[in-house]
Amino acid sequence: MKTVDEQLQDVEQRLKHEKSRRMFERYQTVRLHLLGHDNAAIAVSIGREESIVDTYLRRYRKLGLDGLQMKFSPGPPEQKRKEQQQN
């Protein structure tokens, strides 16, 4: 198991190179946690509900930084065009 300092180095390295705002937010959540901030303060800092912070940290503990990767892109379901609906 890595020390907190090693974990911080890993997450800070990813933060430096991350272009996705969503992934940056997830890495920042882990960083703040490793620095000793409580979940309520982290939630305020990133502008999310505390339950979201809990979810990110649970995934981090179970799967590491790679576990924070998004598996899909959320969004509305695809709409059929009128010609497709008639077929």
C-alpha atoms as a PDB file:
ATOM      1  CA  MET A   1       0.000   0.000   0.000  1.00  0.00           C
ATOM      2  CA  LYS A   2       1.290   3.435  -0.927  1.00  0.00           C
ATOM      3  CA  THR A   3       1.866   6.132   1.659  1.00  0.00           C
ATOM      4  CA  VAL A   4      -0.327   9.233   1.680  1.00  0.00           C
ATOM      5  CA  ASP A   5       2.584  11.235   0.223  1.00  0.00           C
ATOM      6  CA  GLU A   6       2.933   8.762  -2.659  1.00  0.00           C
ATOM      7  CA  GLN A   7      -0.806   8.830  -3.277  1.00  0.00           C
ATOM      8  CA  LEU A   8      -0.714  12.641  -3.305  1.00  0.00           C
ATOM      9  CA  GLN A   9       2.111  12.605  -5.850  1.00  0.00           C
ATOM     10  CA  ASP A  10       0.119  10.256  -8.097  1.00  0.00           C
ATOM     11  CA  VAL A  11      -3.048  12.347  -7.987  1.00  0.00           C
ATOM     12  CA  GLU A  12      -1.176  15.642  -8.438  1.00  0.00           C
ATOM     13  CA  GLN A  13       0.601  14.211 -11.478  1.00  0.00           C
ATOM     14  CA  ARG A  14      -2.765  13.339 -13.031  1.00  0.00           C
ATOM     15  CA  LEU A  15      -4.182  16.759 -12.169  1.00  0.00           C
ATOM     16  CA  LYS A  16      -1.350  18.459 -14.076  1.00  0.00           C
ATOM     17  CA  HIS A  17      -2.156  16.616 -17.298  1.00  0.00           C
ATOM     18  CA  GLU A  18      -5.949  16.258 -17.097  1.00  0.00           C
ATOM     19  CA  LYS A  19      -7.969  18.071 -19.745  1.00  0.00           C
ATOM     20  CA  SER A  20     -11.443  16.799 -18.804  1.00  0.00           C
ATOM     21  CA  ARG A  21     -13.200  19.041 -16.303  1.00  0.00           C
ATOM     22  CA  ARG A  22     -15.095  16.082 -14.857  1.00  0.00           C
ATOM     23  CA  MET A  23     -11.994  14.002 -14.276  1.00  0.00           C
ATOM     24  CA  PHE A  24     -10.152  17.022 -12.849  1.00  0.00           C
ATOM     25  CA  GLU A  25     -12.982  17.389 -10.327  1.00  0.00           C
ATOM     26  CA  ARG A  26     -12.734  13.726  -9.335  1.00  0.00           C
ATOM     27  CA  TYR A  27      -8.968  13.889  -8.914  1.00  0.00           C
ATOM     28  CA  GLN A  28      -9.289  17.138  -6.956  1.00  0.00           C
ATOM     29  CA  THR A  29     -11.762  15.414  -4.627  1.00  0.00           C
ATOM     30  CA  VAL A  30      -9.212  12.694  -3.877  1.00  0.00           C
ATOM     31  CA  ARG A  31      -6.437  15.264  -3.445  1.00  0.00           C
ATOM     32  CA  LEU A  32      -8.447  17.271  -0.910  1.00  0.00           C
ATOM     33  CA  HIS A  33      -9.326  14.073   0.932  1.00  0.00           C
ATOM     34  CA  LEU A  34      -5.675  13.039   1.128  1.00  0.00           C
ATOM     35  CA  LEU A  35      -4.835  16.510   2.466  1.00  0.00           C
ATOM     36  CA  GLY A  36      -7.230  15.884   5.371  1.00  0.00           C
ATOM     37  CA  HIS A  37     -10.342  17.834   4.364  1.00  0.00           C
ATOM     38  CA  ASP A  38     -13.671  16.365   5.442  1.00  0.00           C
ATOM     39  CA  ASN A  39     -16.294  15.363   2.888  1.00  0.00           C
ATOM     40  CA  ALA A  40     -18.592  18.313   3.651  1.00  0.00           C
ATOM     41  CA  ALA A  41     -15.781  20.811   2.999  1.00  0.00           C
ATOM     42  CA  ILE A  42     -14.783  18.995  -0.197  1.00  0.00           C
ATOM     43  CA  ALA A  43     -18.398  19.085  -1.410  1.00  0.00           C
ATOM     44  CA  VAL A  44     -18.535  22.852  -0.910  1.00  0.00           C
ATOM     45  CA  SER A  45     -15.154  23.288  -2.594  1.00  0.00           C
ATOM     46  CA  ILE A  46     -16.108  21.385  -5.763  1.00  0.00           C
ATOM     47  CA  GLY A  47     -19.749  22.509  -5.796  1.00  0.00           C
ATOM     48  CA  ARG A  48     -21.268  19.029  -5.488  1.00  0.00           C
ATOM     49  CA  GLU A  49     -23.431  17.169  -3.001  1.00  0.00           C
ATOM     50  CA  GLU A  50     -21.656  15.320  -0.219  1.00  0.00           C
ATOM     51  CA  SER A  51     -23.081  12.039  -1.562  1.00  0.00           C
ATOM     52  CA  ILE A  52     -21.135  12.592  -4.808  1.00  0.00           C
ATOM     53  CA  VAL A  53     -17.926  13.108  -2.825  1.00  0.00           C
ATOM     54  CA  ASP A  54     -18.686   9.868  -0.937  1.00  0.00           C
ATOM     55  CA  THR A  55     -19.149   8.026  -4.241  1.00  0.00           C
ATOM     56  CA  TYR A  56     -15.863   9.318  -5.690  1.00  0.00           C
ATOM     57  CA  LEU A  57     -13.930   8.393  -2.556  1.00  0.00           C
ATOM     58  CA  ARG A  58     -15.526   4.955  -2.294  1.00  0.00           C
ATOM     59  CA  ARG A  59     -14.517   4.201  -5.895  1.00  0.00           C
ATOM     60  CA  TYR A  60     -11.014   5.531  -5.235  1.00  0.00           C
ATOM     61  CA  ARG A  61     -10.576   3.311  -2.180  1.00  0.00           C
ATOM     62  CA  LYS A  62     -11.827   0.256  -4.038  1.00  0.00           C
ATOM     63  CA  LEU A  63     -10.255   0.749  -7.503  1.00  0.00           C
ATOM     64  CA  GLY A  64      -7.645   3.501  -7.166  1.00  0.00           C
ATOM     65  CA  LEU A  65      -7.372   6.509  -9.481  1.00  0.00           C
ATOM     66  CA  ASP A  66      -8.308   4.419 -12.519  1.00  0.00           C
ATOM     67  CA  GLY A  67     -11.616   3.623 -10.817  1.00  0.00           C
ATOM     68  CA  LEU A  68     -12.619   7.277 -11.174  1.00  0.00           C
ATOM     69  CA  GLN A  69     -12.745   7.011 -14.973  1.00  0.00           C
ATOM     70  CA  MET A  70     -16.188   7.526 -16.495  1.00  0.00           C
ATOM     71  CA  LYS A  71     -17.623   4.430 -18.122  1.00  0.00           C
ATOM     72  CA  PHE A  72     -20.151   6.340 -20.226  1.00  0.00           C
ATOM     73  CA  SER A  73     -21.108   9.846 -21.144  1.00  0.00           C
ATOM     74  CA  PRO A  74     -24.327  10.894 -19.422  1.00  0.00           C
ATOM     75  CA  GLY A  75     -26.939  12.660 -21.478  1.00  0.00           C
ATOM     76  CA  PRO A  76     -30.454  12.449 -22.826  1.00  0.00           C
ATOM     77  CA  PRO A  77     -31.473   9.391 -24.846  1.00  0.00           C
ATOM     78  CA  GLU A  78     -31.073   9.637 -28.591  1.00  0.00           C
ATOM     79  CA  GLN A  79     -34.173  10.972 -30.356  1.00  0.00           C
ATOM     80  CA  LYS A  80     -35.499   9.301 -33.497  1.00  0.00           C
ATOM     81  CA  ARG A  81     -36.169  11.427 -36.536  1.00  0.00           C
ATOM     82  CA  LYS A  82     -39.698  11.402 -37.989  1.00  0.00           C
ATOM     83  CA  GLU A  83     -38.679   9.145 -40.898  1.00  0.00           C
ATOM     84  CA  GLN A  84     -37.182   6.605 -38.480  1.00  0.00           C
ATOM     85  CA  GLN A  85     -40.326   6.576 -36.328  1.00  0.00           C
ATOM     86  CA  GLN A  86     -42.510   5.677 -39.313  1.00  0.00           C
ATOM     87  CA  ASN A  87     -40.418   2.588 -40.193  1.00  0.00           C
END
